[in-house]
Protein backbone atom coordinates (compact mmCIF):
# COMPACT_ATOMS: atom_id res chain seq x y z
CA MET A 1 28.17 -104.31 -94.10
CA THR A 2 30.95 -101.42 -93.35
CA GLU A 3 33.43 -102.37 -91.10
CA ASN A 4 36.03 -99.77 -88.87
CA ILE A 5 39.70 -101.27 -89.25
CA MET A 6 41.96 -100.96 -86.68
CA ILE A 7 45.79 -100.57 -87.72
CA ASP A 8 47.88 -103.19 -86.20
CA GLN A 9 50.18 -101.32 -83.69
CA LYS A 10 52.74 -104.06 -84.22
CA ALA A 11 53.63 -102.97 -87.70
CA LYS A 12 55.23 -99.65 -88.74
CA VAL A 13 54.43 -98.30 -92.24
CA ASP A 14 57.51 -98.18 -94.41
CA GLN A 15 57.76 -94.78 -95.44
CA SER A 16 59.90 -95.51 -98.67
CA GLU A 17 56.48 -96.95 -99.80
CA GLY A 18 54.71 -94.08 -98.69
CA SER A 19 51.34 -94.12 -96.68
CA LEU A 20 48.36 -94.90 -98.87
CA ILE A 21 45.14 -92.33 -98.43
CA ILE A 22 41.84 -92.52 -100.20
CA VAL A 23 39.50 -89.21 -100.42
CA GLY A 24 35.78 -89.88 -102.11
CA ALA A 25 32.20 -89.96 -102.19
CA ASN A 26 30.25 -92.48 -102.51
CA HIS A 27 26.35 -93.00 -102.70
CA ARG A 28 26.59 -93.61 -99.06
CA SER A 29 27.91 -90.18 -97.89
CA SER A 30 26.97 -87.97 -100.51
CA THR A 31 24.17 -86.69 -102.54
CA MET A 32 23.64 -87.61 -106.21
CA LEU A 33 23.44 -84.10 -107.17
CA LEU A 34 27.26 -83.57 -105.23
CA ARG A 35 28.67 -86.81 -106.99
CA ASP A 36 27.64 -85.37 -110.39
CA ARG A 37 29.51 -82.36 -109.96
CA LEU A 38 32.47 -84.20 -108.41
CA TYR A 39 32.51 -86.46 -111.71
CA ILE A 40 36.05 -86.20 -113.48
CA SER A 41 35.55 -86.92 -117.35
CA GLU A 42 38.43 -88.36 -118.66
CA THR A 43 39.04 -85.74 -120.76
CA ALA A 44 39.16 -83.70 -117.87
CA LEU A 45 41.67 -86.02 -116.18
CA PRO A 46 45.04 -84.64 -117.64
CA SER A 47 44.37 -81.05 -115.96
CA PHE A 48 43.39 -82.80 -112.58
CA TYR A 49 46.31 -85.02 -112.38
CA SER A 50 48.66 -81.86 -113.29
CA ARG A 51 46.80 -80.16 -110.18
CA LEU A 52 47.63 -82.99 -108.03
CA ARG A 53 51.45 -83.14 -109.06
CA ASP A 54 51.64 -79.14 -108.40
CA ALA A 55 50.15 -80.03 -104.95
CA GLU A 56 53.47 -82.60 -104.55
CA PHE A 57 51.18 -86.01 -104.88
CA ASN A 58 53.34 -87.97 -107.59
CA GLU A 59 51.43 -91.49 -107.45
CA ALA A 60 47.59 -91.17 -107.48
CA ILE A 61 44.53 -92.59 -109.31
CA ILE A 62 41.17 -90.70 -109.66
CA LEU A 63 38.46 -93.17 -109.87
CA SER A 64 35.23 -91.64 -111.17
CA THR A 65 32.00 -93.09 -111.85
CA THR A 66 28.41 -91.92 -111.37
CA ASP A 67 28.33 -93.59 -108.30
CA LEU A 68 31.38 -92.42 -106.80
CA THR A 69 34.60 -90.18 -107.19
CA GLU A 70 37.63 -91.58 -105.02
CA ILE A 71 41.11 -89.79 -105.06
CA ILE A 72 43.87 -92.62 -104.30
CA ILE A 73 46.85 -91.47 -103.08
CA ALA A 74 50.65 -93.27 -102.15
CA THR A 75 52.35 -90.55 -100.50
CA PRO A 76 55.00 -90.26 -97.66
CA LYS A 77 55.36 -86.51 -97.47
CA THR A 78 52.21 -85.51 -95.95
CA SER A 79 49.90 -86.28 -93.14
CA VAL A 80 46.44 -87.74 -93.99
CA GLN A 81 44.75 -84.36 -93.06
CA ASN A 82 46.98 -82.56 -94.84
CA ALA A 83 46.27 -84.72 -98.08
CA SER A 84 42.91 -84.61 -97.38
CA ALA A 85 42.76 -80.85 -97.33
CA GLU A 86 44.28 -80.42 -100.34
CA VAL A 87 42.10 -82.80 -102.28
CA VAL A 88 39.15 -80.86 -100.96
CA LYS A 89 40.70 -77.74 -102.46
CA LEU A 90 40.88 -79.24 -105.61
CA LEU A 91 37.40 -80.76 -105.75
CA SER A 92 35.84 -77.79 -104.50
CA ALA A 93 37.55 -75.91 -107.63
CA HIS A 94 36.61 -78.74 -110.00
CA ALA A 95 33.04 -79.00 -108.95
CA GLY A 96 32.51 -75.73 -108.21
CA GLU A 97 31.31 -76.27 -104.88
CA SER A 98 32.74 -74.99 -101.18
CA ARG A 99 35.07 -76.67 -99.57
CA SER A 100 32.64 -77.16 -96.44
CA GLU A 101 30.37 -78.58 -98.72
CA ILE A 102 32.40 -80.99 -99.63
CA GLU A 103 34.04 -82.01 -96.59
CA SER A 104 30.53 -82.79 -95.15
CA GLN A 105 29.53 -85.40 -97.77
CA ILE A 106 33.29 -86.88 -98.53
CA TYR A 107 35.36 -89.93 -96.44
CA THR A 108 39.38 -90.30 -95.96
CA LEU A 109 40.49 -93.52 -95.49
CA SER A 110 44.11 -94.32 -94.53
CA ASP A 111 46.34 -97.24 -94.61
CA ARG A 112 44.95 -100.53 -93.81
CA GLU A 113 41.45 -99.37 -93.76
CA ALA A 114 41.72 -97.73 -97.32
CA ILE A 115 43.12 -100.82 -98.33
CA LYS A 116 40.21 -102.81 -97.18
CA HIS A 117 37.75 -100.20 -98.79
CA LEU A 118 39.76 -100.33 -102.02
CA PHE A 119 39.25 -104.26 -102.36
CA ALA A 120 35.76 -103.81 -100.91
CA VAL A 121 34.74 -101.37 -104.20
CA ALA A 122 36.86 -104.05 -106.46
CA ALA A 123 34.65 -106.90 -105.46
CA ALA A 124 31.66 -104.80 -105.51
CA LEU A 125 30.97 -105.04 -101.86
CA ASP A 126 30.16 -101.75 -101.38
CA SER A 127 28.35 -100.35 -103.99
CA LEU A 128 24.75 -99.46 -104.76
CA VAL A 129 24.32 -102.63 -106.78
CA ILE A 130 26.23 -105.52 -104.69
CA GLY A 131 27.95 -107.63 -106.99
CA ASP A 132 28.18 -105.11 -109.99
CA ALA A 133 30.96 -106.50 -112.17
CA GLN A 134 31.26 -103.20 -114.11
CA LEU A 135 33.30 -101.71 -110.62
CA LEU A 136 36.17 -103.64 -111.27
CA GLY A 137 36.68 -103.03 -115.11
CA GLN A 138 35.97 -98.92 -114.10
CA LEU A 139 38.76 -99.80 -111.52
CA ARG A 140 41.41 -101.23 -114.03
CA SER A 141 40.63 -98.40 -116.69
CA ALA A 142 41.40 -95.50 -113.91
CA HIS A 143 44.97 -97.39 -113.24
CA ARG A 144 45.11 -97.68 -116.86
CA LEU A 145 44.45 -94.01 -116.86
CA ALA A 146 46.49 -92.72 -114.49
CA ARG A 147 49.58 -94.81 -115.69
CA ASN A 148 48.98 -93.04 -119.54
CA ASN A 149 49.40 -89.75 -116.95
CA ALA A 150 52.51 -90.85 -115.64
CA MET A 151 50.73 -90.87 -112.03
CA THR A 152 51.72 -94.51 -111.13
CA GLY A 153 54.46 -96.47 -109.33
CA GLY A 154 55.07 -99.74 -107.63
CA SER A 155 52.71 -98.57 -104.71
CA LEU A 156 49.65 -98.16 -106.60
CA ASP A 157 50.74 -100.96 -109.02
CA ARG A 158 50.94 -103.43 -106.59
CA LEU A 159 47.70 -102.36 -104.56
CA ILE A 160 45.51 -102.33 -107.93
CA SER A 161 47.12 -106.01 -108.85
CA ALA A 162 45.90 -107.24 -104.67
CA ALA A 163 42.34 -105.67 -105.10
CA GLN A 164 42.00 -107.64 -108.45
CA LYS A 165 43.38 -110.27 -106.80
CA ALA A 166 40.49 -110.16 -104.22
CA ALA A 167 37.60 -109.28 -106.04
CA GLN A 168 38.69 -112.86 -108.51
CA ARG A 169 38.80 -114.41 -104.75
CA VAL A 170 35.25 -113.34 -103.96
CA SER A 171 33.79 -113.91 -107.38
CA LEU A 172 35.12 -117.34 -107.52
CA GLU A 173 34.53 -118.30 -103.51
CA THR A 174 31.01 -116.42 -103.38
CA GLU A 175 28.03 -115.87 -105.51
CA ILE A 176 27.25 -112.94 -104.89
CA ASP A 177 27.59 -111.19 -107.80
CA GLN A 178 25.22 -114.05 -109.83
CA ARG A 179 22.18 -112.95 -107.37
CA PRO A 180 20.17 -109.58 -107.25
CA VAL A 181 20.14 -108.95 -103.48
CA SER A 182 17.69 -105.91 -103.56
CA ILE A 183 14.78 -104.68 -105.44
CA ALA A 184 17.21 -102.30 -107.36
CA ALA A 185 19.13 -104.94 -108.38
CA ALA A 186 16.53 -106.77 -109.56
CA GLY A 187 15.32 -104.16 -111.54
CA VAL A 188 18.89 -103.36 -113.39
CA GLN A 189 19.50 -107.52 -113.59
CA VAL A 190 15.67 -107.44 -115.45
CA ALA A 191 16.23 -104.55 -117.59
CA ARG A 192 19.87 -106.01 -118.90
CA ASP A 193 18.35 -108.95 -119.65
CA LEU A 194 15.77 -107.46 -121.98
CA HIS A 195 17.73 -104.61 -123.49
CA GLY A 196 21.34 -105.72 -123.03
CA ASP A 197 23.69 -102.43 -122.52
CA LEU A 198 21.81 -99.53 -120.50
CA ALA A 199 23.84 -97.11 -121.86
CA ARG A 200 22.08 -97.26 -125.22
CA CYS A 201 18.71 -96.94 -123.59
CA THR A 202 16.33 -94.41 -122.68
CA GLY A 203 14.68 -94.37 -119.20
CA LEU A 204 11.61 -92.30 -118.20
CA LEU A 205 10.15 -91.90 -114.80
CA ILE A 206 6.36 -90.77 -114.37
CA GLY A 207 5.88 -89.42 -110.95
CA ALA A 208 7.77 -88.67 -107.71
CA GLY A 209 7.75 -91.40 -105.37
CA GLU A 210 10.34 -92.38 -103.10
CA MET A 211 10.76 -96.06 -104.89
CA GLY A 212 10.36 -94.81 -108.54
CA GLU A 213 13.45 -92.02 -107.70
CA MET A 214 15.26 -94.96 -106.05
CA LEU A 215 15.16 -97.35 -108.86
CA ALA A 216 15.80 -94.53 -111.49
CA SER A 217 18.92 -93.63 -109.48
CA SER A 218 20.11 -97.55 -109.62
CA MET A 219 19.44 -97.49 -113.22
CA ARG A 220 21.50 -94.23 -113.64
CA SER A 221 24.33 -96.02 -111.50
CA ALA A 222 23.97 -99.12 -113.60
CA GLY A 223 24.97 -96.85 -116.77
CA LEU A 224 21.36 -96.12 -118.03
CA GLY A 225 22.50 -93.79 -120.91
CA ASN A 226 19.77 -91.10 -120.68
CA LEU A 227 16.61 -90.48 -118.16
CA VAL A 228 13.94 -88.11 -118.51
CA VAL A 229 11.46 -87.14 -115.39
CA THR A 230 8.00 -86.08 -116.00
CA HIS A 231 5.09 -85.04 -113.16
CA PRO A 232 1.64 -83.43 -113.78
CA SER A 233 3.20 -80.19 -111.55
CA GLU A 234 5.84 -78.86 -113.39
CA GLN A 235 7.84 -78.13 -110.14
CA ARG A 236 7.84 -81.26 -108.87
CA ALA A 237 9.25 -82.44 -112.31
CA ASP A 238 11.96 -79.43 -112.14
CA THR A 239 12.82 -80.63 -108.45
CA LEU A 240 13.01 -84.34 -109.23
CA GLY A 241 15.29 -83.47 -112.48
CA GLN A 242 17.46 -81.58 -110.12
CA HIS A 243 17.88 -84.18 -107.75
CA LEU A 244 18.58 -86.61 -110.43
CA ASN A 245 20.43 -84.42 -112.65
CA CYS A 246 18.17 -85.53 -115.74
CA HIS A 247 15.86 -84.09 -118.39
CA VAL A 248 12.58 -82.89 -117.74
CA GLY A 249 9.77 -83.87 -120.05
CA ASN A 250 6.19 -82.07 -120.03
CA ILE A 251 3.35 -84.65 -118.96
CA GLU A 252 1.52 -83.36 -121.96
CA ASP A 253 3.73 -85.02 -124.21
CA LEU A 254 3.63 -88.31 -122.19
CA ALA A 255 2.73 -90.43 -125.91
CA GLN A 256 6.01 -89.03 -127.41
CA LEU A 257 8.27 -89.46 -124.46
CA LEU A 258 6.62 -93.29 -124.03
CA ALA A 259 7.66 -93.77 -127.54
CA GLN A 260 10.89 -92.58 -126.87
CA ALA A 261 11.26 -95.05 -123.58
CA ASP A 262 13.32 -98.31 -123.30
CA LEU A 263 12.78 -98.31 -119.45
CA VAL A 264 9.44 -96.68 -117.65
CA LEU A 265 9.14 -96.07 -114.18
CA THR A 266 5.92 -95.44 -112.69
CA SER A 267 5.33 -93.69 -109.02
CA MET A 268 2.31 -91.71 -108.87
CA ASN A 269 0.20 -93.28 -106.20
CA THR A 270 -2.58 -91.34 -107.23
CA ARG A 271 -5.39 -94.55 -107.19
CA ARG A 272 -5.96 -93.94 -110.89
CA TYR A 273 -3.94 -95.61 -113.74
CA VAL A 274 -1.52 -93.63 -115.63
CA LEU A 275 -0.66 -96.12 -118.43
CA ASP A 276 -3.15 -98.09 -119.93
CA VAL A 277 -3.31 -100.88 -122.90
CA GLU A 278 -4.26 -98.06 -125.38
CA SER A 279 -0.99 -95.41 -124.64
CA LEU A 280 1.62 -98.36 -124.62
CA LYS A 281 0.22 -100.22 -127.59
CA THR A 282 0.24 -96.61 -129.57
CA ALA A 283 3.80 -96.23 -128.07
CA THR A 284 5.27 -100.04 -128.88
CA LYS A 285 3.86 -99.14 -132.47
CA ALA A 286 5.81 -95.89 -132.91
CA ARG A 287 8.75 -97.87 -131.65
CA ARG A 288 8.31 -100.67 -134.05
CA ARG A 289 7.50 -103.01 -132.02
CA LYS A 290 10.94 -102.39 -129.77
CA PRO A 291 10.03 -103.49 -126.31
CA ILE A 292 9.44 -101.69 -123.66
CA PHE A 293 10.37 -102.81 -119.74
CA VAL A 294 7.55 -101.12 -117.41
CA ILE A 295 8.07 -101.04 -113.56
CA ASP A 296 5.28 -100.13 -111.72
CA THR A 297 5.96 -98.77 -108.31
CA GLY A 298 2.88 -97.37 -107.58
CA VAL A 299 0.50 -98.56 -104.53
CA PRO A 300 -1.95 -99.00 -105.79
CA GLY A 301 -0.92 -99.87 -108.97
CA ASP A 302 0.00 -96.94 -111.78
CA VAL A 303 -0.18 -98.73 -114.70
CA ASP A 304 -3.38 -101.13 -115.92
CA PRO A 305 -2.82 -104.71 -115.48
CA ALA A 306 -4.60 -105.33 -118.78
CA VAL A 307 -1.13 -104.35 -120.30
CA GLU A 308 0.42 -107.68 -119.67
CA THR A 309 -1.78 -108.91 -122.53
CA LEU A 310 0.77 -106.65 -125.04
CA GLU A 311 3.04 -108.80 -126.58
CA ASP A 312 6.01 -106.09 -126.54
CA VAL A 313 5.49 -104.63 -123.02
CA PHE A 314 6.90 -106.32 -119.99
CA LEU A 315 5.10 -105.47 -117.04
CA TYR A 316 6.75 -105.99 -113.28
CA THR A 317 5.38 -104.70 -110.12
CA LEU A 318 7.21 -104.49 -106.81
CA ASP A 319 5.89 -107.88 -106.10
CA ASP A 320 7.27 -109.58 -109.19
CA LEU A 321 10.74 -107.79 -108.47
CA GLU A 322 10.56 -108.73 -105.01
CA ARG A 323 10.33 -112.71 -106.29
CA VAL A 324 13.19 -111.90 -108.31
CA THR A 325 15.18 -111.12 -105.29
CA ARG A 326 13.90 -113.77 -103.07
CA GLU A 327 16.73 -116.44 -103.67
CA GLY A 328 19.10 -113.62 -103.43
CA ARG A 329 18.04 -112.24 -100.15
CA ALA A 330 17.93 -115.90 -98.91
CA SER A 331 21.64 -116.24 -99.38
CA ARG A 332 22.45 -112.49 -99.12
CA ALA A 333 23.88 -112.91 -95.38
CA GLN A 334 25.93 -115.65 -95.57
CA GLU A 335 27.38 -114.92 -98.92
CA ALA A 336 27.93 -111.25 -97.98
CA GLU A 337 29.63 -112.44 -94.66
CA THR A 338 32.09 -114.71 -96.62
CA ALA A 339 33.09 -112.19 -99.11
CA TRP A 340 33.87 -109.49 -96.32
CA ASP A 341 36.04 -112.08 -94.83
CA ILE A 342 37.72 -112.50 -97.76
CA VAL A 343 38.21 -109.15 -98.41
CA ASP A 344 39.36 -108.55 -94.83
CA ASP A 345 42.03 -111.47 -95.04
CA GLU A 346 42.89 -110.14 -98.37
CA ALA A 347 43.46 -106.56 -96.76
CA ARG A 348 45.31 -107.99 -93.86
CA ARG A 349 47.70 -110.04 -95.88
CA TYR A 350 48.64 -106.96 -98.32
CA PHE A 351 49.08 -104.69 -95.32
CA HIS A 352 51.45 -107.23 -93.66
CA ASP A 353 53.44 -107.99 -96.82
CA ASN A 354 53.78 -104.33 -97.53
CA THR A 355 54.95 -103.21 -94.12
CA THR A 356 57.84 -103.39 -91.91
CA THR A 357 56.95 -105.96 -88.88
CA ASP A 358 59.23 -107.20 -85.77
CA PRO A 359 59.23 -110.69 -85.88
CA ALA A 360 59.58 -110.70 -82.25
CA LEU A 361 56.14 -109.28 -81.92
CA ASP A 362 53.98 -111.28 -84.55
CA GLU A 363 54.25 -114.86 -83.61
CA THR A 364 51.39 -115.71 -86.13
CA SER A 365 53.55 -114.30 -89.31
CA SER A 366 53.94 -117.24 -90.89
CA GLU A 367 50.67 -118.41 -90.54
CA PRO A 368 48.78 -117.00 -93.75
CA ASP A 369 51.62 -118.52 -95.84
CA GLU A 370 50.96 -122.16 -94.51
CA MET A 371 46.78 -121.22 -94.95
CA GLU A 372 47.22 -119.92 -98.01
CA LYS A 373 49.03 -122.97 -99.41
CA LEU A 374 46.31 -125.22 -97.75
CA ARG A 375 43.17 -123.07 -99.38
CA GLN A 376 44.89 -123.12 -102.68
CA ALA A 377 45.37 -126.87 -102.51
CA ALA A 378 41.92 -127.45 -101.46
CA LEU A 379 40.64 -125.09 -104.40
CA LYS A 380 42.59 -126.80 -107.15
CA GLU A 381 41.64 -130.34 -106.17
CA ALA A 382 37.74 -129.25 -105.89
CA GLY A 383 38.32 -127.91 -109.45
CA GLY A 384 37.14 -124.67 -108.22
CA ASP A 385 33.90 -125.87 -106.34
CA ALA A 386 34.21 -123.26 -103.45
CA GLU A 387 31.77 -125.32 -101.22
CA LYS A 388 33.58 -128.81 -102.06
CA ALA A 389 37.07 -126.75 -101.34
CA THR A 390 35.54 -125.34 -98.48
CA LYS A 391 34.68 -128.76 -96.71
CA LEU A 392 38.25 -130.21 -98.41
CA LEU A 393 40.12 -127.30 -96.32
CA LEU A 394 38.29 -128.17 -93.08
CA GLN A 395 39.02 -131.99 -92.95
CA ARG A 396 42.68 -131.06 -93.56
CA LEU A 397 42.79 -128.41 -90.64
CA LYS A 398 41.13 -130.98 -88.27
CA ASN A 399 44.06 -133.54 -89.32
CA LEU A 400 46.51 -131.09 -88.71
CA PRO A 401 48.80 -131.80 -85.81
CA LYS A 402 47.99 -130.09 -82.71
CA ASP A 403 51.32 -128.19 -82.50
CA THR A 404 51.04 -126.53 -85.83
């Protein structure tokens, strides 16, 4: 869910605090190839922060993961357009890409729109895998590294604190981070259930079908440590390797590639089995019975169903992943709507508290405080049970005097 936010014309940003500007590229706006080139490693941060200071940005946070790169800036000294142009110039030099190419795949957000976006990022609502708790940790780490590079101040410190509060509310008051809501999320969840930390795992993609590539991209975004692609056509394998920015293996070395793979994705769609009992039995023997998670995305299947008889091979088809997501999809719309309402509420509250407002123009300026007190009291009485707290809150709102 994405929303455009109209800035409240009643409020005037206090320029002593500066305007908030975010320039970034994520899975919605850009290709994986560009995101890989934009990625700013921890070792490259001091140099990039130095360039930001040279461009007269004294308060900034760099959030850079496999899924997105965002430069978060608080500045009273420049317009949104000028700030964006300066950041694009720096990203162009870092990535070795033309400014026009970067401009075509980035977004620039400011003030309340930027606040809501950052809160949604912290709550993992605008990510490839919705509800991925890693994103909040990555934001905290980015804030810490910015502080270590002397690039944070009161504005961004308060902003990150508020973003964490929004994420915590979403986690407490919804179940969106507990249920997979897509095939990709289901695949990631099962892979983590089997292997734990994906950063220590190796994945193998056999074939170039769209679903296989999508799942491989999701696994990488979820932290998969190493990915190898292979295809009977060397040209198609090379093209796929470029798209996913990963290693390419020779299909003739499939037995060896299987023995090294913790996760195997098949996407050949050739009406012939690519993997059978013998090939996987040999692989697990070479792996000393370390399990292999196989996702068959082929239509019809690429993997002989008899593989399910092997004790150390866990075979999932798209139908299996669909079953994993069924419960999550049933509640997805309701949970996502609730989560976005929370993010919107927290963004509005933060924007209101950090702007100078004419009380004569804002008749409801005290309303959020009273509502928050009622909400907190209901949550406390309900012991953190969101459903019970909601019922209590609704009942108390009904009992309020009509002129309240």
